[in-house]
């Protein structure tokens, strides 16, 4: 299938993990395209000045990211993340704050923010998502988009984490500290 269109995107395109959707990025937000017999725009997601996008592994959710430079150079970049239901286009949860709140651990991204900010767990059902914070891992469930047990996991000096690809199990990495007095650790939760 060949589809030729002008103005597909103003920034970049990205395939969803299972290849069901092609996402395009625009000043006003993002859009997903797809279809078995014809390739059409299926949904738009309003998020002005979006800079990055990410799909959940099961393609149920699309995360969009934007950052805004402060008018005062002493202030920090402001970050906005939205999690959309891919099929309905509804914002399921939004996160807003300073870039510093989202810049712990990891590499890449924009304005020092590690990308992707959220990592997904629970297999292709996309049941959970989490992010790294300073000495915490906030873990959310996607039925209500709230913190599990209404609190974050405490993890002193945590630098990274990953989900099991098949089960709701987290592995946390804490680096060596104190010049070797406290060895690096990996924990399963």
Foldseek 3Di string as FASTA:
>chain_A
DDDDDPPQEPADWDAAQVRAWIKHAYQQGIWIWHDDPDTGTQDGAGDGPWDDWHAANLRQKIKTKDWDDDPDNVDAIKMKIFIAGNRPNDTLDMDIDGQLQQQAAADDDPSNGHPPQWHAEQASVRQKIWGDGAQWIFIAGRVNRAGVVNDTHGHHQWRDKHYDNHHRKIWTWHPQDDVNPRHIDIDID
